[in-house]
Amino acid sequence: GGATGAAGLADLSVRNLVHTSLGGSGVRITLSNV
C-alpha cells in the first residue's frame, strides 16, 4: 500500500533483505507481479 503512489517505482533499484532458514546451493529467487 500507499507509500509509492499509483506510479509505484520508476527507474529505481531495490535491495530487499531476507533471512534464510536452510542453507544450500543453486539459489533461485521468485519475482511476483501477481
PDB file of all heavy atoms in Angstrom:
ATOM      1  N   GLY A   1       0.789  -1.227   0.000  1.00  0.00           N
ATOM      2  CA  GLY A   1       0.000   0.000   0.000  1.00  0.00           C
ATOM      3  C   GLY A   1       0.816   1.269   0.000  1.00  0.00           C
ATOM      4  O   GLY A   1       1.984   1.290   0.246  1.00  0.00           O
ATOM      5  N   GLY A   2       0.226   2.307  -0.358  1.00  0.00           N
ATOM      6  CA  GLY A   2       0.344   3.729  -0.302  1.00  0.00           C
ATOM      7  C   GLY A   2       1.663   4.427  -0.430  1.00  0.00           C
ATOM      8  O   GLY A   2       1.660   5.501  -0.942  1.00  0.00           O
ATOM      9  N   ALA A   3       2.783   3.871   0.017  1.00  0.00           N
ATOM     10  CA  ALA A   3       3.978   4.695   0.155  1.00  0.00           C
ATOM     11  C   ALA A   3       4.528   5.185  -1.170  1.00  0.00           C
ATOM     12  O   ALA A   3       5.218   6.191  -1.214  1.00  0.00           O
ATOM     13  CB  ALA A   3       5.055   3.917   0.891  1.00  0.00           C
ATOM     14  N   THR A   4       4.240   4.520  -2.261  1.00  0.00           N
ATOM     15  CA  THR A   4       4.869   4.877  -3.536  1.00  0.00           C
ATOM     16  C   THR A   4       3.915   5.546  -4.514  1.00  0.00           C
ATOM     17  O   THR A   4       4.347   6.000  -5.568  1.00  0.00           O
ATOM     18  CB  THR A   4       5.437   3.612  -4.212  1.00  0.00           C
ATOM     19  OG1 THR A   4       4.370   2.691  -4.448  1.00  0.00           O
ATOM     20  CG2 THR A   4       6.478   2.955  -3.336  1.00  0.00           C
ATOM     21  N   GLY A   5       2.630   5.600  -4.222  1.00  0.00           N
ATOM     22  CA  GLY A   5       1.677   6.213  -5.136  1.00  0.00           C
ATOM     23  C   GLY A   5       1.334   5.305  -6.295  1.00  0.00           C
ATOM     24  O   GLY A   5       1.853   4.189  -6.436  1.00  0.00           O
ATOM     25  N   ALA A   6       0.464   5.805  -7.178  1.00  0.00           N
ATOM     26  CA  ALA A   6      -0.038   4.987  -8.280  1.00  0.00           C
ATOM     27  C   ALA A   6       1.050   4.583  -9.258  1.00  0.00           C
ATOM     28  O   ALA A   6       0.964   3.532  -9.893  1.00  0.00           O
ATOM     29  CB  ALA A   6      -1.147   5.742  -9.013  1.00  0.00           C
ATOM     30  N   ALA A   7       2.086   5.422  -9.410  1.00  0.00           N
ATOM     31  CA  ALA A   7       3.154   5.109 -10.362  1.00  0.00           C
ATOM     32  C   ALA A   7       4.076   4.024  -9.850  1.00  0.00           C
ATOM     33  O   ALA A   7       4.845   3.438 -10.617  1.00  0.00           O
ATOM     34  CB  ALA A   7       3.964   6.366 -10.672  1.00  0.00           C
ATOM     35  N   GLY A   8       4.012   3.733  -8.556  1.00  0.00           N
ATOM     36  CA  GLY A   8       4.925   2.747  -7.990  1.00  0.00           C
ATOM     37  C   GLY A   8       6.340   3.279  -7.989  1.00  0.00           C
ATOM     38  O   GLY A   8       6.602   4.422  -7.623  1.00  0.00           O
ATOM     39  N   LEU A   9       7.287   2.463  -8.422  1.00  0.00           N
ATOM     40  CA  LEU A   9       8.672   2.891  -8.591  1.00  0.00           C
ATOM     41  C   LEU A   9       8.946   3.114 -10.069  1.00  0.00           C
ATOM     42  O   LEU A   9       8.388   2.424 -10.919  1.00  0.00           O
ATOM     43  CB  LEU A   9       9.640   1.849  -8.046  1.00  0.00           C
ATOM     44  CG  LEU A   9       9.588   1.539  -6.552  1.00  0.00           C
ATOM     45  CD1 LEU A   9      10.726   0.598  -6.177  1.00  0.00           C
ATOM     46  CD2 LEU A   9       9.637   2.790  -5.711  1.00  0.00           C
ATOM     47  N   ALA A  10       9.846   4.046 -10.372  1.00  0.00           N
ATOM     48  CA  ALA A  10      10.208   4.328 -11.762  1.00  0.00           C
ATOM     49  C   ALA A  10      11.714   4.456 -11.878  1.00  0.00           C
ATOM     50  O   ALA A  10      12.318   5.366 -11.296  1.00  0.00           O
ATOM     51  CB  ALA A  10       9.520   5.609 -12.238  1.00  0.00           C
ATOM     52  N   ASP A  11      12.337   3.502 -12.579  1.00  0.00           N
ATOM     53  CA  ASP A  11      13.778   3.532 -12.854  1.00  0.00           C
ATOM     54  C   ASP A  11      14.596   3.660 -11.577  1.00  0.00           C
ATOM     55  O   ASP A  11      15.530   4.465 -11.502  1.00  0.00           O
ATOM     56  CB  ASP A  11      14.108   4.672 -13.823  1.00  0.00           C
ATOM     57  CG  ASP A  11      13.491   4.458 -15.192  1.00  0.00           C
ATOM     58  OD1 ASP A  11      13.591   3.325 -15.714  1.00  0.00           O
ATOM     59  OD2 ASP A  11      12.879   5.395 -15.726  1.00  0.00           O
ATOM     60  N   LEU A  12      14.244   2.867 -10.585  1.00  0.00           N
ATOM     61  CA  LEU A  12      14.981   2.842  -9.326  1.00  0.00           C
ATOM     62  C   LEU A  12      15.423   1.415  -9.018  1.00  0.00           C
ATOM     63  O   LEU A  12      14.878   0.446  -9.560  1.00  0.00           O
ATOM     64  CB  LEU A  12      14.110   3.359  -8.181  1.00  0.00           C
ATOM     65  CG  LEU A  12      13.660   4.824  -8.266  1.00  0.00           C
ATOM     66  CD1 LEU A  12      12.710   5.161  -7.129  1.00  0.00           C
ATOM     67  CD2 LEU A  12      14.861   5.767  -8.252  1.00  0.00           C
ATOM     68  N   SER A  13      16.409   1.296  -8.133  1.00  0.00           N
ATOM     69  CA  SER A  13      16.895  -0.017  -7.709  1.00  0.00           C
ATOM     70  C   SER A  13      16.380  -0.330  -6.312  1.00  0.00           C
ATOM     71  O   SER A  13      16.221   0.565  -5.473  1.00  0.00           O
ATOM     72  CB  SER A  13      18.420  -0.052  -7.715  1.00  0.00           C
ATOM     73  OG  SER A  13      18.929   0.167  -9.015  1.00  0.00           O
ATOM     74  N   VAL A  14      16.120  -1.600  -6.074  1.00  0.00           N
ATOM     75  CA  VAL A  14      15.570  -2.083  -4.807  1.00  0.00           C
ATOM     76  C   VAL A  14      16.547  -3.082  -4.206  1.00  0.00           C
ATOM     77  O   VAL A  14      17.142  -3.891  -4.926  1.00  0.00           O
ATOM     78  CB  VAL A  14      14.202  -2.770  -5.022  1.00  0.00           C
ATOM     79  CG1 VAL A  14      13.632  -3.280  -3.703  1.00  0.00           C
ATOM     80  CG2 VAL A  14      13.225  -1.831  -5.706  1.00  0.00           C
ATOM     81  N   ARG A  15      16.703  -3.031  -2.890  1.00  0.00           N
ATOM     82  CA  ARG A  15      17.523  -4.026  -2.184  1.00  0.00           C
ATOM     83  C   ARG A  15      16.701  -4.575  -1.025  1.00  0.00           C
ATOM     84  O   ARG A  15      16.507  -3.918  -0.002  1.00  0.00           O
ATOM     85  CB  ARG A  15      18.836  -3.408  -1.705  1.00  0.00           C
ATOM     86  CG  ARG A  15      19.748  -4.371  -0.954  1.00  0.00           C
ATOM     87  CD  ARG A  15      21.205  -3.921  -1.024  1.00  0.00           C
ATOM     88  NE  ARG A  15      21.736  -4.101  -2.379  1.00  0.00           N
ATOM     89  CZ  ARG A  15      22.919  -3.604  -2.793  1.00  0.00           C
ATOM     90  NH1 ARG A  15      23.670  -2.899  -1.962  1.00  0.00           N
ATOM     91  NH2 ARG A  15      23.328  -3.828  -4.026  1.00  0.00           N
ATOM     92  N   ASN A  16      16.167  -5.789  -1.182  1.00  0.00           N
ATOM     93  CA  ASN A  16      15.376  -6.463  -0.162  1.00  0.00           C
ATOM     94  C   ASN A  16      16.283  -7.313   0.718  1.00  0.00           C
ATOM     95  O   ASN A  16      17.082  -8.110   0.198  1.00  0.00           O
ATOM     96  CB  ASN A  16      14.360  -7.400  -0.814  1.00  0.00           C
ATOM     97  CG  ASN A  16      13.307  -6.682  -1.625  1.00  0.00           C
ATOM     98  OD1 ASN A  16      12.409  -6.061  -1.079  1.00  0.00           O
ATOM     99  ND2 ASN A  16      13.398  -6.771  -2.946  1.00  0.00           N
ATOM    100  N   LEU A  17      16.148  -7.187   2.023  1.00  0.00           N
ATOM    101  CA  LEU A  17      16.891  -8.034   2.950  1.00  0.00           C
ATOM    102  C   LEU A  17      15.972  -9.135   3.467  1.00  0.00           C
ATOM    103  O   LEU A  17      14.907  -8.851   4.041  1.00  0.00           O
ATOM    104  CB  LEU A  17      17.436  -7.219   4.118  1.00  0.00           C
ATOM    105  CG  LEU A  17      18.378  -6.065   3.782  1.00  0.00           C
ATOM    106  CD1 LEU A  17      19.023  -5.523   5.051  1.00  0.00           C
ATOM    107  CD2 LEU A  17      19.436  -6.470   2.765  1.00  0.00           C
ATOM    108  N   VAL A  18      16.376 -10.387   3.264  1.00  0.00           N
ATOM    109  CA  VAL A  18      15.554 -11.545   3.650  1.00  0.00           C
ATOM    110  C   VAL A  18      16.431 -12.536   4.402  1.00  0.00           C
ATOM    111  O   VAL A  18      17.648 -12.569   4.223  1.00  0.00           O
ATOM    112  CB  VAL A  18      14.912 -12.211   2.409  1.00  0.00           C
ATOM    113  CG1 VAL A  18      14.098 -11.203   1.616  1.00  0.00           C
ATOM    114  CG2 VAL A  18      15.963 -12.845   1.510  1.00  0.00           C
ATOM    115  N   HIS A  19      15.809 -13.369   5.231  1.00  0.00           N
ATOM    116  CA  HIS A  19      16.557 -14.236   6.147  1.00  0.00           C
ATOM    117  C   HIS A  19      16.305 -15.709   5.841  1.00  0.00           C
ATOM    118  O   HIS A  19      15.152 -16.148   5.804  1.00  0.00           O
ATOM    119  CB  HIS A  19      16.167 -13.929   7.594  1.00  0.00           C
ATOM    120  CG  HIS A  19      17.127 -14.444   8.599  1.00  0.00           C
ATOM    121  ND1 HIS A  19      18.372 -13.881   8.813  1.00  0.00           N
ATOM    122  CD2 HIS A  19      17.046 -15.488   9.457  1.00  0.00           C
ATOM    123  CE1 HIS A  19      19.004 -14.532   9.759  1.00  0.00           C
ATOM    124  NE2 HIS A  19      18.222 -15.531  10.167  1.00  0.00           N
ATOM    125  N   THR A  20      17.358 -16.475   5.656  1.00  0.00           N
ATOM    126  CA  THR A  20      17.220 -17.878   5.273  1.00  0.00           C
ATOM    127  C   THR A  20      16.893 -18.760   6.476  1.00  0.00           C
ATOM    128  O   THR A  20      17.264 -18.459   7.607  1.00  0.00           O
ATOM    129  CB  THR A  20      18.504 -18.407   4.618  1.00  0.00           C
ATOM    130  OG1 THR A  20      19.569 -18.405   5.592  1.00  0.00           O
ATOM    131  CG2 THR A  20      18.915 -17.550   3.425  1.00  0.00           C
ATOM    132  N   SER A  21      16.236 -19.858   6.193  1.00  0.00           N
ATOM    133  CA  SER A  21      16.009 -20.885   7.213  1.00  0.00           C
ATOM    134  C   SER A  21      16.906 -22.096   6.997  1.00  0.00           C
ATOM    135  O   SER A  21      17.207 -22.829   7.927  1.00  0.00           O
ATOM    136  CB  SER A  21      14.542 -21.333   7.190  1.00  0.00           C
ATOM    137  OG  SER A  21      14.209 -21.927   5.939  1.00  0.00           O
ATOM    138  N   LEU A  22      17.330 -22.308   5.771  1.00  0.00           N
ATOM    139  CA  LEU A  22      18.025 -23.523   5.357  1.00  0.00           C
ATOM    140  C   LEU A  22      19.155 -23.141   4.415  1.00  0.00           C
ATOM    141  O   LEU A  22      18.973 -22.294   3.536  1.00  0.00           O
ATOM    142  CB  LEU A  22      17.037 -24.452   4.643  1.00  0.00           C
ATOM    143  CG  LEU A  22      17.517 -25.811   4.138  1.00  0.00           C
ATOM    144  CD1 LEU A  22      17.786 -26.744   5.318  1.00  0.00           C
ATOM    145  CD2 LEU A  22      16.472 -26.426   3.218  1.00  0.00           C
ATOM    146  N   GLY A  23      20.319 -23.753   4.590  1.00  0.00           N
ATOM    147  CA  GLY A  23      21.422 -23.495   3.685  1.00  0.00           C
ATOM    148  C   GLY A  23      21.356 -24.375   2.448  1.00  0.00           C
ATOM    149  O   GLY A  23      20.664 -25.391   2.428  1.00  0.00           O
ATOM    150  N   GLY A  24      22.056 -23.953   1.417  1.00  0.00           N
ATOM    151  CA  GLY A  24      22.099 -24.766   0.205  1.00  0.00           C
ATOM    152  C   GLY A  24      22.709 -24.010  -0.951  1.00  0.00           C
ATOM    153  O   GLY A  24      23.067 -22.833  -0.854  1.00  0.00           O
ATOM    154  N   SER A  25      22.824 -24.708  -2.065  1.00  0.00           N
ATOM    155  CA  SER A  25      23.386 -24.121  -3.283  1.00  0.00           C
ATOM    156  C   SER A  25      22.288 -24.034  -4.339  1.00  0.00           C
ATOM    157  O   SER A  25      21.140 -24.381  -4.100  1.00  0.00           O
ATOM    158  CB  SER A  25      24.558 -24.968  -3.788  1.00  0.00           C
ATOM    159  OG  SER A  25      24.126 -26.300  -4.025  1.00  0.00           O
ATOM    160  N   GLY A  26      22.680 -23.571  -5.540  1.00  0.00           N
ATOM    161  CA  GLY A  26      21.695 -23.440  -6.604  1.00  0.00           C
ATOM    162  C   GLY A  26      20.578 -22.484  -6.240  1.00  0.00           C
ATOM    163  O   GLY A  26      19.391 -22.763  -6.420  1.00  0.00           O
ATOM    164  N   VAL A  27      20.953 -21.321  -5.728  1.00  0.00           N
ATOM    165  CA  VAL A  27      19.975 -20.366  -5.205  1.00  0.00           C
ATOM    166  C   VAL A  27      19.112 -19.805  -6.336  1.00  0.00           C
ATOM    167  O   VAL A  27      19.616 -19.404  -7.387  1.00  0.00           O
ATOM    168  CB  VAL A  27      20.692 -19.214  -4.479  1.00  0.00           C
ATOM    169  CG1 VAL A  27      19.680 -18.233  -3.902  1.00  0.00           C
ATOM    170  CG2 VAL A  27      21.601 -19.757  -3.394  1.00  0.00           C
ATOM    171  N   ARG A  28      17.801 -19.762  -6.113  1.00  0.00           N
ATOM    172  CA  ARG A  28      16.863 -19.160  -7.062  1.00  0.00           C
ATOM    173  C   ARG A  28      15.997 -18.149  -6.314  1.00  0.00           C
ATOM    174  O   ARG A  28      15.751 -18.306  -5.118  1.00  0.00           O
ATOM    175  CB  ARG A  28      15.941 -20.207  -7.695  1.00  0.00           C
ATOM    176  CG  ARG A  28      16.630 -21.266  -8.533  1.00  0.00           C
ATOM    177  CD  ARG A  28      15.599 -22.300  -8.944  1.00  0.00           C
ATOM    178  NE  ARG A  28      16.183 -23.411  -9.690  1.00  0.00           N
ATOM    179  CZ  ARG A  28      15.922 -23.698 -10.955  1.00  0.00           C
ATOM    180  NH1 ARG A  28      15.060 -22.943 -11.625  1.00  0.00           N
ATOM    181  NH2 ARG A  28      16.474 -24.719 -11.569  1.00  0.00           N
ATOM    182  N   ILE A  29      15.491 -17.158  -7.039  1.00  0.00           N
ATOM    183  CA  ILE A  29      14.533 -16.220  -6.475  1.00  0.00           C
ATOM    184  C   ILE A  29      13.270 -16.206  -7.336  1.00  0.00           C
ATOM    185  O   ILE A  29      13.320 -16.507  -8.528  1.00  0.00           O
ATOM    186  CB  ILE A  29      15.103 -14.795  -6.362  1.00  0.00           C
ATOM    187  CG1 ILE A  29      15.412 -14.197  -7.744  1.00  0.00           C
ATOM    188  CG2 ILE A  29      16.332 -14.779  -5.472  1.00  0.00           C
ATOM    189  CD1 ILE A  29      15.769 -12.720  -7.716  1.00  0.00           C
ATOM    190  N   THR A  30      12.166 -15.877  -6.703  1.00  0.00           N
ATOM    191  CA  THR A  30      10.910 -15.669  -7.414  1.00  0.00           C
ATOM    192  C   THR A  30      10.542 -14.201  -7.318  1.00  0.00           C
ATOM    193  O   THR A  30      10.520 -13.631  -6.219  1.00  0.00           O
ATOM    194  CB  THR A  30       9.775 -16.507  -6.805  1.00  0.00           C
ATOM    195  OG1 THR A  30      10.129 -17.885  -6.850  1.00  0.00           O
ATOM    196  CG2 THR A  30       8.488 -16.318  -7.586  1.00  0.00           C
ATOM    197  N   LEU A  31      10.254 -13.584  -8.464  1.00  0.00           N
ATOM    198  CA  LEU A  31       9.745 -12.221  -8.506  1.00  0.00           C
ATOM    199  C   LEU A  31       8.278 -12.279  -8.907  1.00  0.00           C
ATOM    200  O   LEU A  31       7.919 -12.930  -9.894  1.00  0.00           O
ATOM    201  CB  LEU A  31      10.530 -11.367  -9.496  1.00  0.00           C
ATOM    202  CG  LEU A  31      12.027 -11.202  -9.196  1.00  0.00           C
ATOM    203  CD1 LEU A  31      12.688 -10.342 -10.262  1.00  0.00           C
ATOM    204  CD2 LEU A  31      12.244 -10.601  -7.815  1.00  0.00           C
ATOM    205  N   SER A  32       7.432 -11.602  -8.134  1.00  0.00           N
ATOM    206  CA  SER A  32       5.982 -11.697  -8.338  1.00  0.00           C
ATOM    207  C   SER A  32       5.400 -10.360  -8.754  1.00  0.00           C
ATOM    208  O   SER A  32       5.699  -9.316  -8.160  1.00  0.00           O
ATOM    209  CB  SER A  32       5.299 -12.173  -7.056  1.00  0.00           C
ATOM    210  OG  SER A  32       3.898 -12.186  -7.216  1.00  0.00           O
ATOM    211  N   ASN A  33       4.522 -10.406  -9.773  1.00  0.00           N
ATOM    212  CA  ASN A  33       3.732  -9.250 -10.191  1.00  0.00           C
ATOM    213  C   ASN A  33       2.245  -9.629 -10.166  1.00  0.00           C
ATOM    214  O   ASN A  33       1.453  -9.160 -10.972  1.00  0.00           O
ATOM    215  CB  ASN A  33       4.159  -8.806 -11.598  1.00  0.00           C
ATOM    216  CG  ASN A  33       3.600  -7.456 -12.003  1.00  0.00           C
ATOM    217  OD1 ASN A  33       3.297  -6.617 -11.163  1.00  0.00           O
ATOM    218  ND2 ASN A  33       3.443  -7.242 -13.303  1.00  0.00           N
ATOM    219  N   VAL A  34       1.900 -10.496  -9.210  1.00  0.00           N
ATOM    220  CA  VAL A  34       0.554 -11.055  -9.142  1.00  0.00           C
ATOM    221  C   VAL A  34      -0.501  -9.972  -8.991  1.00  0.00           C
ATOM    222  O   VAL A  34      -1.605 -10.086  -9.533  1.00  0.00           O
ATOM    223  CB  VAL A  34       0.470 -12.086  -7.992  1.00  0.00           C
ATOM    224  CG1 VAL A  34      -0.968 -12.434  -7.662  1.00  0.00           C
ATOM    225  CG2 VAL A  34       1.234 -13.348  -8.358  1.00  0.00           C
TER     226      VAL A  34
END
